[in-house]
Amino acid sequence: MSAHDITRLGVKPHLSNAVVHGGIAYLAGVTPATGITVAEQTVSVLEQIDGLLAEAGTDRSRLLTAEIWLTDIRNRDELNAVWNAWVTPGNPPARACVEAKLAFPEWLVEIMVTAAV
């Protein structure tokens, strides 16, 4: 693949689940498929991220950045407990974690990452 090739994964009318270009995998924001608590939803999101990263030809050890949105920033410790167990030791990405209103009230967390391929 040349540096100018763009590969889009999981293409939908309004977004791609991931875009790979120039040796970088850019994932769309991933929302929970299951779970009621922040911890359960974070596990769901991170499992999906693992799958998308694998499909893009990379993995969590190559994360560059992460953007995390929580509906209630007071749940940050609960999220971090799951996140810290998931992130490859010694390889945490640059990260932001902010409070935001998400598209559906049942969603408590959304995460978007970029990774080197």
PDB file of N, CA and C in Angstrom:
ATOM      1  N   MET A   1       0.837  -1.171   0.000  1.00  0.00           N
ATOM      2  CA  MET A   1       0.000   0.000   0.000  1.00  0.00           C
ATOM      3  C   MET A   1       0.890   1.245   0.000  1.00  0.00           C
ATOM      4  N   SER A   2       0.621   2.160  -0.900  1.00  0.00           N
ATOM      5  CA  SER A   2       1.391   3.399  -0.946  1.00  0.00           C
ATOM      6  C   SER A   2       0.875   4.358   0.120  1.00  0.00           C
ATOM      7  N   ALA A   3       1.640   5.379   0.396  1.00  0.00           N
ATOM      8  CA  ALA A   3       1.268   6.360   1.410  1.00  0.00           C
ATOM      9  C   ALA A   3      -0.002   7.113   1.040  1.00  0.00           C
ATOM     10  N   HIS A   4      -0.418   7.035  -0.225  1.00  0.00           N
ATOM     11  CA  HIS A   4      -1.596   7.774  -0.679  1.00  0.00           C
ATOM     12  C   HIS A   4      -2.853   6.926  -0.692  1.00  0.00           C
ATOM     13  N   ASP A   5      -2.726   5.625  -0.441  1.00  0.00           N
ATOM     14  CA  ASP A   5      -3.895   4.759  -0.407  1.00  0.00           C
ATOM     15  C   ASP A   5      -4.713   5.023   0.846  1.00  0.00           C
ATOM     16  N   ILE A   6      -6.017   4.954   0.688  1.00  0.00           N
ATOM     17  CA  ILE A   6      -6.934   5.081   1.818  1.00  0.00           C
ATOM     18  C   ILE A   6      -7.804   3.844   1.835  1.00  0.00           C
ATOM     19  N   THR A   7      -7.859   3.167   2.972  1.00  0.00           N
ATOM     20  CA  THR A   7      -8.719   2.005   3.147  1.00  0.00           C
ATOM     21  C   THR A   7      -9.780   2.356   4.172  1.00  0.00           C
ATOM     22  N   ARG A   8     -11.027   2.143   3.804  1.00  0.00           N
ATOM     23  CA  ARG A   8     -12.143   2.428   4.705  1.00  0.00           C
ATOM     24  C   ARG A   8     -12.782   1.105   5.122  1.00  0.00           C
ATOM     25  N   LEU A   9     -13.007   0.942   6.417  1.00  0.00           N
ATOM     26  CA  LEU A   9     -13.588  -0.272   6.967  1.00  0.00           C
ATOM     27  C   LEU A   9     -14.947   0.033   7.583  1.00  0.00           C
ATOM     28  N   GLY A  10     -15.886  -0.878   7.398  1.00  0.00           N
ATOM     29  CA  GLY A  10     -17.207  -0.687   7.988  1.00  0.00           C
ATOM     30  C   GLY A  10     -17.889   0.565   7.493  1.00  0.00           C
ATOM     31  N   VAL A  11     -17.894   0.749   6.177  1.00  0.00           N
ATOM     32  CA  VAL A  11     -18.444   1.971   5.580  1.00  0.00           C
ATOM     33  C   VAL A  11     -19.969   1.988   5.718  1.00  0.00           C
ATOM     34  N   LYS A  12     -20.469   3.105   6.208  1.00  0.00           N
ATOM     35  CA  LYS A  12     -21.901   3.363   6.333  1.00  0.00           C
ATOM     36  C   LYS A  12     -22.182   4.676   5.602  1.00  0.00           C
ATOM     37  N   PRO A  13     -23.445   5.028   5.393  1.00  0.00           N
ATOM     38  CA  PRO A  13     -23.721   6.275   4.681  1.00  0.00           C
ATOM     39  C   PRO A  13     -23.087   7.516   5.320  1.00  0.00           C
ATOM     40  N   HIS A  14     -22.992   7.560   6.637  1.00  0.00           N
ATOM     41  CA  HIS A  14     -22.536   8.775   7.320  1.00  0.00           C
ATOM     42  C   HIS A  14     -21.140   8.665   7.933  1.00  0.00           C
ATOM     43  N   LEU A  15     -20.527   7.468   7.942  1.00  0.00           N
ATOM     44  CA  LEU A  15     -19.187   7.323   8.509  1.00  0.00           C
ATOM     45  C   LEU A  15     -18.585   5.982   8.139  1.00  0.00           C
ATOM     46  N   SER A  16     -17.284   5.873   8.340  1.00  0.00           N
ATOM     47  CA  SER A  16     -16.570   4.595   8.275  1.00  0.00           C
ATOM     48  C   SER A  16     -16.174   4.257   9.707  1.00  0.00           C
ATOM     49  N   ASN A  17     -16.232   2.977  10.058  1.00  0.00           N
ATOM     50  CA  ASN A  17     -15.823   2.579  11.409  1.00  0.00           C
ATOM     51  C   ASN A  17     -14.333   2.805  11.621  1.00  0.00           C
ATOM     52  N   ALA A  18     -13.553   2.703  10.554  1.00  0.00           N
ATOM     53  CA  ALA A  18     -12.113   2.964  10.620  1.00  0.00           C
ATOM     54  C   ALA A  18     -11.628   3.390   9.241  1.00  0.00           C
ATOM     55  N   VAL A  19     -10.617   4.228   9.237  1.00  0.00           N
ATOM     56  CA  VAL A  19      -9.956   4.656   8.010  1.00  0.00           C
ATOM     57  C   VAL A  19      -8.460   4.474   8.227  1.00  0.00           C
ATOM     58  N   VAL A  20      -7.814   3.792   7.280  1.00  0.00           N
ATOM     59  CA  VAL A  20      -6.369   3.571   7.371  1.00  0.00           C
ATOM     60  C   VAL A  20      -5.706   4.352   6.250  1.00  0.00           C
ATOM     61  N   HIS A  21      -4.723   5.176   6.631  1.00  0.00           N
ATOM     62  CA  HIS A  21      -4.013   6.006   5.656  1.00  0.00           C
ATOM     63  C   HIS A  21      -2.645   6.370   6.219  1.00  0.00           C
ATOM     64  N   GLY A  22      -1.642   6.264   5.394  1.00  0.00           N
ATOM     65  CA  GLY A  22      -0.305   6.700   5.788  1.00  0.00           C
ATOM     66  C   GLY A  22       0.227   5.994   7.022  1.00  0.00           C
ATOM     67  N   GLY A  23      -0.117   4.739   7.206  1.00  0.00           N
ATOM     68  CA  GLY A  23       0.379   3.976   8.346  1.00  0.00           C
ATOM     69  C   GLY A  23      -0.328   4.253   9.654  1.00  0.00           C
ATOM     70  N   ILE A  24      -1.470   4.942   9.592  1.00  0.00           N
ATOM     71  CA  ILE A  24      -2.250   5.259  10.787  1.00  0.00           C
ATOM     72  C   ILE A  24      -3.673   4.735  10.607  1.00  0.00           C
ATOM     73  N   ALA A  25      -4.208   4.107  11.655  1.00  0.00           N
ATOM     74  CA  ALA A  25      -5.612   3.684  11.675  1.00  0.00           C
ATOM     75  C   ALA A  25      -6.387   4.672  12.536  1.00  0.00           C
ATOM     76  N   TYR A  26      -7.385   5.288  11.947  1.00  0.00           N
ATOM     77  CA  TYR A  26      -8.239   6.255  12.630  1.00  0.00           C
ATOM     78  C   TYR A  26      -9.590   5.586  12.859  1.00  0.00           C
ATOM     79  N   LEU A  27      -9.960   5.349  14.097  1.00  0.00           N
ATOM     80  CA  LEU A  27     -11.242   4.734  14.389  1.00  0.00           C
ATOM     81  C   LEU A  27     -12.281   5.801  14.680  1.00  0.00           C
ATOM     82  N   ALA A  28     -13.514   5.529  14.269  1.00  0.00           N
ATOM     83  CA  ALA A  28     -14.637   6.393  14.632  1.00  0.00           C
ATOM     84  C   ALA A  28     -14.915   6.205  16.114  1.00  0.00           C
ATOM     85  N   GLY A  29     -15.716   7.075  16.677  1.00  0.00           N
ATOM     86  CA  GLY A  29     -16.129   6.898  18.057  1.00  0.00           C
ATOM     87  C   GLY A  29     -16.880   5.587  18.196  1.00  0.00           C
ATOM     88  N   VAL A  30     -16.501   4.797  19.204  1.00  0.00           N
ATOM     89  CA  VAL A  30     -17.116   3.490  19.430  1.00  0.00           C
ATOM     90  C   VAL A  30     -17.996   3.593  20.662  1.00  0.00           C
ATOM     91  N   THR A  31     -19.240   3.149  20.517  1.00  0.00           N
ATOM     92  CA  THR A  31     -20.211   3.192  21.598  1.00  0.00           C
ATOM     93  C   THR A  31     -20.536   1.775  22.058  1.00  0.00           C
ATOM     94  N   PRO A  32     -21.079   1.621  23.252  1.00  0.00           N
ATOM     95  CA  PRO A  32     -21.305   0.292  23.808  1.00  0.00           C
ATOM     96  C   PRO A  32     -22.404  -0.480  23.083  1.00  0.00           C
ATOM     97  N   ALA A  33     -22.155  -1.777  22.903  1.00  0.00           N
ATOM     98  CA  ALA A  33     -23.165  -2.680  22.355  1.00  0.00           C
ATOM     99  C   ALA A  33     -23.945  -3.336  23.490  1.00  0.00           C
ATOM    100  N   THR A  34     -23.314  -3.417  24.671  1.00  0.00           N
ATOM    101  CA  THR A  34     -23.935  -4.045  25.836  1.00  0.00           C
ATOM    102  C   THR A  34     -23.532  -3.286  27.086  1.00  0.00           C
ATOM    103  N   GLY A  35     -24.209  -3.609  28.183  1.00  0.00           N
ATOM    104  CA  GLY A  35     -23.809  -3.097  29.488  1.00  0.00           C
ATOM    105  C   GLY A  35     -24.685  -1.992  30.015  1.00  0.00           C
ATOM    106  N   ILE A  36     -24.809  -1.988  31.328  1.00  0.00           N
ATOM    107  CA  ILE A  36     -25.598  -0.964  32.005  1.00  0.00           C
ATOM    108  C   ILE A  36     -24.682   0.000  32.753  1.00  0.00           C
ATOM    109  N   THR A  37     -23.628  -0.524  33.389  1.00  0.00           N
ATOM    110  CA  THR A  37     -22.714   0.333  34.150  1.00  0.00           C
ATOM    111  C   THR A  37     -21.621   0.881  33.229  1.00  0.00           C
ATOM    112  N   VAL A  38     -20.923   1.893  33.699  1.00  0.00           N
ATOM    113  CA  VAL A  38     -19.803   2.448  32.942  1.00  0.00           C
ATOM    114  C   VAL A  38     -18.747   1.370  32.705  1.00  0.00           C
ATOM    115  N   ALA A  39     -18.458   0.573  33.723  1.00  0.00           N
ATOM    116  CA  ALA A  39     -17.458  -0.496  33.573  1.00  0.00           C
ATOM    117  C   ALA A  39     -17.879  -1.492  32.498  1.00  0.00           C
ATOM    118  N   GLU A  40     -19.123  -1.954  32.545  1.00  0.00           N
ATOM    119  CA  GLU A  40     -19.609  -2.914  31.544  1.00  0.00           C
ATOM    120  C   GLU A  40     -19.583  -2.308  30.147  1.00  0.00           C
ATOM    121  N   GLN A  41     -20.011  -1.069  30.021  1.00  0.00           N
ATOM    122  CA  GLN A  41     -20.017  -0.421  28.710  1.00  0.00           C
ATOM    123  C   GLN A  41     -18.594  -0.189  28.209  1.00  0.00           C
ATOM    124  N   THR A  42     -17.671   0.128  29.101  1.00  0.00           N
ATOM    125  CA  THR A  42     -16.280   0.323  28.695  1.00  0.00           C
ATOM    126  C   THR A  42     -15.697  -0.979  28.186  1.00  0.00           C
ATOM    127  N   VAL A  43     -15.972  -2.092  28.842  1.00  0.00           N
ATOM    128  CA  VAL A  43     -15.527  -3.406  28.355  1.00  0.00           C
ATOM    129  C   VAL A  43     -16.078  -3.648  26.950  1.00  0.00           C
ATOM    130  N   SER A  44     -17.359  -3.380  26.733  1.00  0.00           N
ATOM    131  CA  SER A  44     -17.984  -3.561  25.420  1.00  0.00           C
ATOM    132  C   SER A  44     -17.287  -2.719  24.349  1.00  0.00           C
ATOM    133  N   VAL A  45     -17.032  -1.454  24.676  1.00  0.00           N
ATOM    134  CA  VAL A  45     -16.381  -0.549  23.723  1.00  0.00           C
ATOM    135  C   VAL A  45     -14.967  -1.029  23.413  1.00  0.00           C
ATOM    136  N   LEU A  46     -14.202  -1.404  24.429  1.00  0.00           N
ATOM    137  CA  LEU A  46     -12.811  -1.820  24.214  1.00  0.00           C
ATOM    138  C   LEU A  46     -12.722  -3.131  23.433  1.00  0.00           C
ATOM    139  N   GLU A  47     -13.674  -4.028  23.632  1.00  0.00           N
ATOM    140  CA  GLU A  47     -13.711  -5.255  22.826  1.00  0.00           C
ATOM    141  C   GLU A  47     -13.935  -4.917  21.352  1.00  0.00           C
ATOM    142  N   GLN A  48     -14.829  -3.972  21.086  1.00  0.00           N
ATOM    143  CA  GLN A  48     -15.075  -3.545  19.706  1.00  0.00           C
ATOM    144  C   GLN A  48     -13.834  -2.872  19.114  1.00  0.00           C
ATOM    145  N   ILE A  49     -13.169  -2.056  19.921  1.00  0.00           N
ATOM    146  CA  ILE A  49     -11.941  -1.390  19.462  1.00  0.00           C
ATOM    147  C   ILE A  49     -10.885  -2.426  19.104  1.00  0.00           C
ATOM    148  N   ASP A  50     -10.717  -3.450  19.942  1.00  0.00           N
ATOM    149  CA  ASP A  50      -9.766  -4.522  19.621  1.00  0.00           C
ATOM    150  C   ASP A  50     -10.074  -5.136  18.264  1.00  0.00           C
ATOM    151  N   GLY A  51     -11.344  -5.408  17.988  1.00  0.00           N
ATOM    152  CA  GLY A  51     -11.737  -5.985  16.709  1.00  0.00           C
ATOM    153  C   GLY A  51     -11.456  -5.066  15.536  1.00  0.00           C
ATOM    154  N   LEU A  52     -11.763  -3.780  15.689  1.00  0.00           N
ATOM    155  CA  LEU A  52     -11.508  -2.819  14.613  1.00  0.00           C
ATOM    156  C   LEU A  52     -10.014  -2.637  14.379  1.00  0.00           C
ATOM    157  N   LEU A  53      -9.240  -2.582  15.453  1.00  0.00           N
ATOM    158  CA  LEU A  53      -7.792  -2.461  15.293  1.00  0.00           C
ATOM    159  C   LEU A  53      -7.233  -3.674  14.558  1.00  0.00           C
ATOM    160  N   ALA A  54      -7.685  -4.871  14.903  1.00  0.00           N
ATOM    161  CA  ALA A  54      -7.220  -6.084  14.219  1.00  0.00           C
ATOM    162  C   ALA A  54      -7.587  -6.040  12.741  1.00  0.00           C
ATOM    163  N   GLU A  55      -8.803  -5.617  12.445  1.00  0.00           N
ATOM    164  CA  GLU A  55      -9.245  -5.511  11.057  1.00  0.00           C
ATOM    165  C   GLU A  55      -8.383  -4.502  10.284  1.00  0.00           C
ATOM    166  N   ALA A  56      -7.913  -3.480  10.973  1.00  0.00           N
ATOM    167  CA  ALA A  56      -7.069  -2.451  10.354  1.00  0.00           C
ATOM    168  C   ALA A  56      -5.601  -2.868  10.292  1.00  0.00           C
ATOM    169  N   GLY A  57      -5.271  -4.024  10.890  1.00  0.00           N
ATOM    170  CA  GLY A  57      -3.897  -4.520  10.830  1.00  0.00           C
ATOM    171  C   GLY A  57      -3.006  -4.020  11.952  1.00  0.00           C
ATOM    172  N   THR A  58      -3.599  -3.696  13.101  1.00  0.00           N
ATOM    173  CA  THR A  58      -2.816  -3.205  14.227  1.00  0.00           C
ATOM    174  C   THR A  58      -3.416  -3.719  15.524  1.00  0.00           C
ATOM    175  N   ASP A  59      -2.957  -3.203  16.654  1.00  0.00           N
ATOM    176  CA  ASP A  59      -3.502  -3.624  17.943  1.00  0.00           C
ATOM    177  C   ASP A  59      -3.292  -2.525  18.980  1.00  0.00           C
ATOM    178  N   ARG A  60      -3.801  -2.749  20.175  1.00  0.00           N
ATOM    179  CA  ARG A  60      -3.782  -1.736  21.234  1.00  0.00           C
ATOM    180  C   ARG A  60      -2.384  -1.349  21.680  1.00  0.00           C
ATOM    181  N   SER A  61      -1.377  -2.173  21.421  1.00  0.00           N
ATOM    182  CA  SER A  61      -0.007  -1.809  21.811  1.00  0.00           C
ATOM    183  C   SER A  61       0.540  -0.673  20.959  1.00  0.00           C
ATOM    184  N   ARG A  62      -0.153  -0.341  19.862  1.00  0.00           N
ATOM    185  CA  ARG A  62       0.310   0.690  18.934  1.00  0.00           C
ATOM    186  C   ARG A  62      -0.572   1.943  18.964  1.00  0.00           C
ATOM    187  N   LEU A  63      -1.361   2.084  20.034  1.00  0.00           N
ATOM    188  CA  LEU A  63      -2.219   3.264  20.168  1.00  0.00           C
ATOM    189  C   LEU A  63      -1.392   4.540  20.219  1.00  0.00           C
ATOM    190  N   LEU A  64      -1.880   5.561  19.546  1.00  0.00           N
ATOM    191  CA  LEU A  64      -1.257   6.879  19.564  1.00  0.00           C
ATOM    192  C   LEU A  64      -2.068   7.859  20.406  1.00  0.00           C
ATOM    193  N   THR A  65      -3.367   7.897  20.149  1.00  0.00           N
ATOM    194  CA  THR A  65      -4.250   8.814  20.870  1.00  0.00           C
ATOM    195  C   THR A  65      -5.549   8.118  21.242  1.00  0.00           C
ATOM    196  N   ALA A  66      -6.201   8.655  22.259  1.00  0.00           N
ATOM    197  CA  ALA A  66      -7.534   8.204  22.654  1.00  0.00           C
ATOM    198  C   ALA A  66      -8.329   9.421  23.111  1.00  0.00           C
ATOM    199  N   GLU A  67      -9.573   9.468  22.679  1.00  0.00           N
ATOM    200  CA  GLU A  67     -10.504  10.503  23.124  1.00  0.00           C
ATOM    201  C   GLU A  67     -11.679   9.775  23.752  1.00  0.00           C
ATOM    202  N   ILE A  68     -11.980  10.127  24.997  1.00  0.00           N
ATOM    203  CA  ILE A  68     -13.031   9.439  25.745  1.00  0.00           C
ATOM    204  C   ILE A  68     -14.066  10.463  26.181  1.00  0.00           C
ATOM    205  N   TRP A  69     -15.329  10.117  25.943  1.00  0.00           N
ATOM    206  CA  TRP A  69     -16.439  10.946  26.381  1.00  0.00           C
ATOM    207  C   TRP A  69     -17.254  10.153  27.388  1.00  0.00           C
ATOM    208  N   LEU A  70     -17.497  10.750  28.546  1.00  0.00           N
ATOM    209  CA  LEU A  70     -18.337  10.178  29.596  1.00  0.00           C
ATOM    210  C   LEU A  70     -19.532  11.090  29.812  1.00  0.00           C
ATOM    211  N   THR A  71     -20.704  10.504  30.042  1.00  0.00           N
ATOM    212  CA  THR A  71     -21.869  11.344  30.320  1.00  0.00           C
ATOM    213  C   THR A  71     -21.793  11.970  31.705  1.00  0.00           C
ATOM    214  N   ASP A  72     -20.976  11.374  32.578  1.00  0.00           N
ATOM    215  CA  ASP A  72     -20.784  11.923  33.924  1.00  0.00           C
ATOM    216  C   ASP A  72     -19.320  11.723  34.303  1.00  0.00           C
ATOM    217  N   ILE A  73     -18.566  12.797  34.352  1.00  0.00           N
ATOM    218  CA  ILE A  73     -17.124  12.721  34.611  1.00  0.00           C
ATOM    219  C   ILE A  73     -16.825  12.109  35.983  1.00  0.00           C
ATOM    220  N   ARG A  74     -17.811  12.079  36.862  1.00  0.00           N
ATOM    221  CA  ARG A  74     -17.607  11.433  38.163  1.00  0.00           C
ATOM    222  C   ARG A  74     -17.404   9.924  38.025  1.00  0.00           C
ATOM    223  N   ASN A  75     -17.699   9.379  36.849  1.00  0.00           N
ATOM    224  CA  ASN A  75     -17.493   7.942  36.584  1.00  0.00           C
ATOM    225  C   ASN A  75     -16.100   7.646  36.013  1.00  0.00           C
ATOM    226  N   ARG A  76     -15.239   8.641  36.043  1.00  0.00           N
ATOM    227  CA  ARG A  76     -13.898   8.478  35.470  1.00  0.00           C
ATOM    228  C   ARG A  76     -13.098   7.366  36.147  1.00  0.00           C
ATOM    229  N   ASP A  77     -13.172   7.245  37.458  1.00  0.00           N
ATOM    230  CA  ASP A  77     -12.437   6.188  38.156  1.00  0.00           C
ATOM    231  C   ASP A  77     -12.913   4.799  37.725  1.00  0.00           C
ATOM    232  N   GLU A  78     -14.224   4.649  37.557  1.00  0.00           N
ATOM    233  CA  GLU A  78     -14.780   3.366  37.098  1.00  0.00           C
ATOM    234  C   GLU A  78     -14.273   3.032  35.695  1.00  0.00           C
ATOM    235  N   LEU A  79     -14.287   4.023  34.827  1.00  0.00           N
ATOM    236  CA  LEU A  79     -13.748   3.838  33.478  1.00  0.00           C
ATOM    237  C   LEU A  79     -12.265   3.499  33.541  1.00  0.00           C
ATOM    238  N   ASN A  80     -11.502   4.259  34.322  1.00  0.00           N
ATOM    239  CA  ASN A  80     -10.052   4.060  34.388  1.00  0.00           C
ATOM    240  C   ASN A  80      -9.678   2.669  34.886  1.00  0.00           C
ATOM    241  N   ALA A  81     -10.473   2.087  35.775  1.00  0.00           N
ATOM    242  CA  ALA A  81     -10.175   0.741  36.268  1.00  0.00           C
ATOM    243  C   ALA A  81     -10.180  -0.258  35.110  1.00  0.00           C
ATOM    244  N   VAL A  82     -11.145  -0.128  34.218  1.00  0.00           N
ATOM    245  CA  VAL A  82     -11.225  -1.015  33.049  1.00  0.00           C
ATOM    246  C   VAL A  82     -10.156  -0.632  32.037  1.00  0.00           C
ATOM    247  N   TRP A  83     -10.019   0.657  31.767  1.00  0.00           N
ATOM    248  CA  TRP A  83      -9.051   1.153  30.786  1.00  0.00           C
ATOM    249  C   TRP A  83      -7.630   0.730  31.149  1.00  0.00           C
ATOM    250  N   ASN A  84      -7.244   0.937  32.408  1.00  0.00           N
ATOM    251  CA  ASN A  84      -5.877   0.636  32.833  1.00  0.00           C
ATOM    252  C   ASN A  84      -5.555  -0.855  32.733  1.00  0.00           C
ATOM    253  N   ALA A  85      -6.548  -1.709  32.923  1.00  0.00           N
ATOM    254  CA  ALA A  85      -6.344  -3.154  32.763  1.00  0.00           C
ATOM    255  C   ALA A  85      -6.228  -3.535  31.290  1.00  0.00           C
ATOM    256  N   TRP A  86      -6.798  -2.720  30.405  1.00  0.00           N
ATOM    257  CA  TRP A  86      -6.816  -3.011  28.963  1.00  0.00           C
ATOM    258  C   TRP A  86      -5.585  -2.475  28.236  1.00  0.00           C
ATOM    259  N   VAL A  87      -5.144  -1.282  28.585  1.00  0.00           N
ATOM    260  CA  VAL A  87      -4.018  -0.652  27.888  1.00  0.00           C
ATOM    261  C   VAL A  87      -2.761  -1.490  28.085  1.00  0.00           C
ATOM    262  N   THR A  88      -1.987  -1.624  27.013  1.00  0.00           N
ATOM    263  CA  THR A  88      -0.733  -2.364  27.088  1.00  0.00           C
ATOM    264  C   THR A  88       0.231  -1.646  28.031  1.00  0.00           C
ATOM    265  N   PRO A  89       0.724  -2.338  29.074  1.00  0.00           N
ATOM    266  CA  PRO A  89       1.631  -1.689  30.022  1.00  0.00           C
ATOM    267  C   PRO A  89       2.827  -1.043  29.308  1.00  0.00           C
ATOM    268  N   GLY A  90       3.117   0.194  29.699  1.00  0.00           N
ATOM    269  CA  GLY A  90       4.231   0.924  29.114  1.00  0.00           C
ATOM    270  C   GLY A  90       3.914   1.604  27.800  1.00  0.00           C
ATOM    271  N   ASN A  91       2.693   1.400  27.269  1.00  0.00           N
ATOM    272  CA  ASN A  91       2.333   1.977  25.972  1.00  0.00           C
ATOM    273  C   ASN A  91       1.021   2.761  26.010  1.00  0.00           C
ATOM    274  N   PRO A  92       0.768   3.565  27.030  1.00  0.00           N
ATOM    275  CA  PRO A  92      -0.488   4.307  27.020  1.00  0.00           C
ATOM    276  C   PRO A  92      -0.457   5.399  25.953  1.00  0.00           C
ATOM    277  N   PRO A  93      -1.607   5.646  25.321  1.00  0.00           N
ATOM    278  CA  PRO A  93      -1.659   6.706  24.317  1.00  0.00           C
ATOM    279  C   PRO A  93      -1.793   8.081  24.968  1.00  0.00           C
ATOM    280  N   ALA A  94      -1.582   9.120  24.189  1.00  0.00           N
ATOM    281  CA  ALA A  94      -1.998  10.458  24.611  1.00  0.00           C
ATOM    282  C   ALA A  94      -3.516  10.391  24.695  1.00  0.00           C
ATOM    283  N   ARG A  95      -4.098  10.986  25.737  1.00  0.00           N
ATOM    284  CA  ARG A  95      -5.516  10.750  25.974  1.00  0.00           C
ATOM    285  C   ARG A  95      -6.217  11.981  26.524  1.00  0.00           C
ATOM    286  N   ALA A  96      -7.464  12.142  26.108  1.00  0.00           N
ATOM    287  CA  ALA A  96      -8.361  13.133  26.695  1.00  0.00           C
ATOM    288  C   ALA A  96      -9.581  12.392  27.211  1.00  0.00           C
ATOM    289  N   CYS A  97     -10.129  12.859  28.320  1.00  0.00           N
ATOM    290  CA  CYS A  97     -11.347  12.275  28.888  1.00  0.00           C
ATOM    291  C   CYS A  97     -12.205  13.434  29.360  1.00  0.00           C
ATOM    292  N   VAL A  98     -13.373  13.590  28.728  1.00  0.00           N
ATOM    293  CA  VAL A  98     -14.227  14.732  29.030  1.00  0.00           C
ATOM    294  C   VAL A  98     -15.673  14.290  29.245  1.00  0.00           C
ATOM    295  N   GLU A  99     -16.423  15.155  29.873  1.00  0.00           N
ATOM    296  CA  GLU A  99     -17.853  14.919  30.050  1.00  0.00           C
ATOM    297  C   GLU A  99     -18.593  15.473  28.843  1.00  0.00           C
ATOM    298  N   ALA A 100     -19.560  14.697  28.350  1.00  0.00           N
ATOM    299  CA  ALA A 100     -20.333  15.133  27.184  1.00  0.00           C
ATOM    300  C   ALA A 100     -21.689  14.443  27.169  1.00  0.00           C
ATOM    301  N   LYS A 101     -22.633  15.055  26.519  1.00  0.00           N
ATOM    302  CA  LYS A 101     -23.927  14.429  26.279  1.00  0.00           C
ATOM    303  C   LYS A 101     -23.778  13.566  25.034  1.00  0.00           C
ATOM    304  N   LEU A 102     -24.121  12.279  25.136  1.00  0.00           N
ATOM    305  CA  LEU A 102     -23.990  11.369  24.002  1.00  0.00           C
ATOM    306  C   LEU A 102     -25.319  11.250  23.262  1.00  0.00           C
ATOM    307  N   ALA A 103     -25.296  10.602  22.094  1.00  0.00           N
ATOM    308  CA  ALA A 103     -26.457  10.554  21.196  1.00  0.00           C
ATOM    309  C   ALA A 103     -27.677   9.860  21.804  1.00  0.00           C
ATOM    310  N   PHE A 104     -27.441   8.848  22.641  1.00  0.00           N
ATOM    311  CA  PHE A 104     -28.549   8.114  23.253  1.00  0.00           C
ATOM    312  C   PHE A 104     -28.360   8.089  24.767  1.00  0.00           C
ATOM    313  N   PRO A 105     -29.424   8.273  25.534  1.00  0.00           N
ATOM    314  CA  PRO A 105     -29.281   8.366  26.989  1.00  0.00           C
ATOM    315  C   PRO A 105     -28.739   7.101  27.650  1.00  0.00           C
ATOM    316  N   GLU A 106     -28.910   5.951  27.038  1.00  0.00           N
ATOM    317  CA  GLU A 106     -28.387   4.710  27.633  1.00  0.00           C
ATOM    318  C   GLU A 106     -26.875   4.559  27.457  1.00  0.00           C
ATOM    319  N   TRP A 107     -26.287   5.317  26.544  1.00  0.00           N
ATOM    320  CA  TRP A 107     -24.830   5.287  26.371  1.00  0.00           C
ATOM    321  C   TRP A 107     -24.194   6.139  27.454  1.00  0.00           C
ATOM    322  N   LEU A 108     -23.220   5.565  28.155  1.00  0.00           N
ATOM    323  CA  LEU A 108     -22.518   6.278  29.212  1.00  0.00           C
ATOM    324  C   LEU A 108     -21.092   6.638  28.824  1.00  0.00           C
ATOM    325  N   VAL A 109     -20.580   5.988  27.766  1.00  0.00           N
ATOM    326  CA  VAL A 109     -19.188   6.191  27.354  1.00  0.00           C
ATOM    327  C   VAL A 109     -19.064   6.013  25.838  1.00  0.00           C
ATOM    328  N   GLU A 110     -18.169   6.775  25.248  1.00  0.00           N
ATOM    329  CA  GLU A 110     -17.787   6.634  23.840  1.00  0.00           C
ATOM    330  C   GLU A 110     -16.283   6.861  23.776  1.00  0.00           C
ATOM    331  N   ILE A 111     -15.609   6.031  22.969  1.00  0.00           N
ATOM    332  CA  ILE A 111     -14.146   6.137  22.869  1.00  0.00           C
ATOM    333  C   ILE A 111     -13.739   6.114  21.405  1.00  0.00           C
ATOM    334  N   MET A 112     -12.797   6.988  21.046  1.00  0.00           N
ATOM    335  CA  MET A 112     -12.231   7.030  19.710  1.00  0.00           C
ATOM    336  C   MET A 112     -10.711   6.968  19.828  1.00  0.00           C
ATOM    337  N   VAL A 113     -10.062   6.129  19.028  1.00  0.00           N
ATOM    338  CA  VAL A 113      -8.605   5.990  19.104  1.00  0.00           C
ATOM    339  C   VAL A 113      -7.985   6.085  17.714  1.00  0.00           C
ATOM    340  N   THR A 114      -6.691   6.396  17.704  1.00  0.00           N
ATOM    341  CA  THR A 114      -5.850   6.261  16.512  1.00  0.00           C
ATOM    342  C   THR A 114      -4.687   5.346  16.900  1.00  0.00           C
ATOM    343  N   ALA A 115      -4.189   4.624  15.904  1.00  0.00           N
ATOM    344  CA  ALA A 115      -3.075   3.697  16.170  1.00  0.00           C
ATOM    345  C   ALA A 115      -2.178   3.618  14.957  1.00  0.00           C
ATOM    346  N   ALA A 116      -0.888   3.393  15.209  1.00  0.00           N
ATOM    347  CA  ALA A 116       0.037   3.119  14.121  1.00  0.00           C
ATOM    348  C   ALA A 116      -0.250   1.712  13.595  1.00  0.00           C
ATOM    349  N   VAL A 117      -0.105   1.555  12.285  1.00  0.00           N
ATOM    350  CA  VAL A 117      -0.339   0.233  11.661  1.00  0.00           C
ATOM    351  C   VAL A 117       0.965  -0.488  11.544  1.00  0.00           C
TER     352      VAL A 117
END
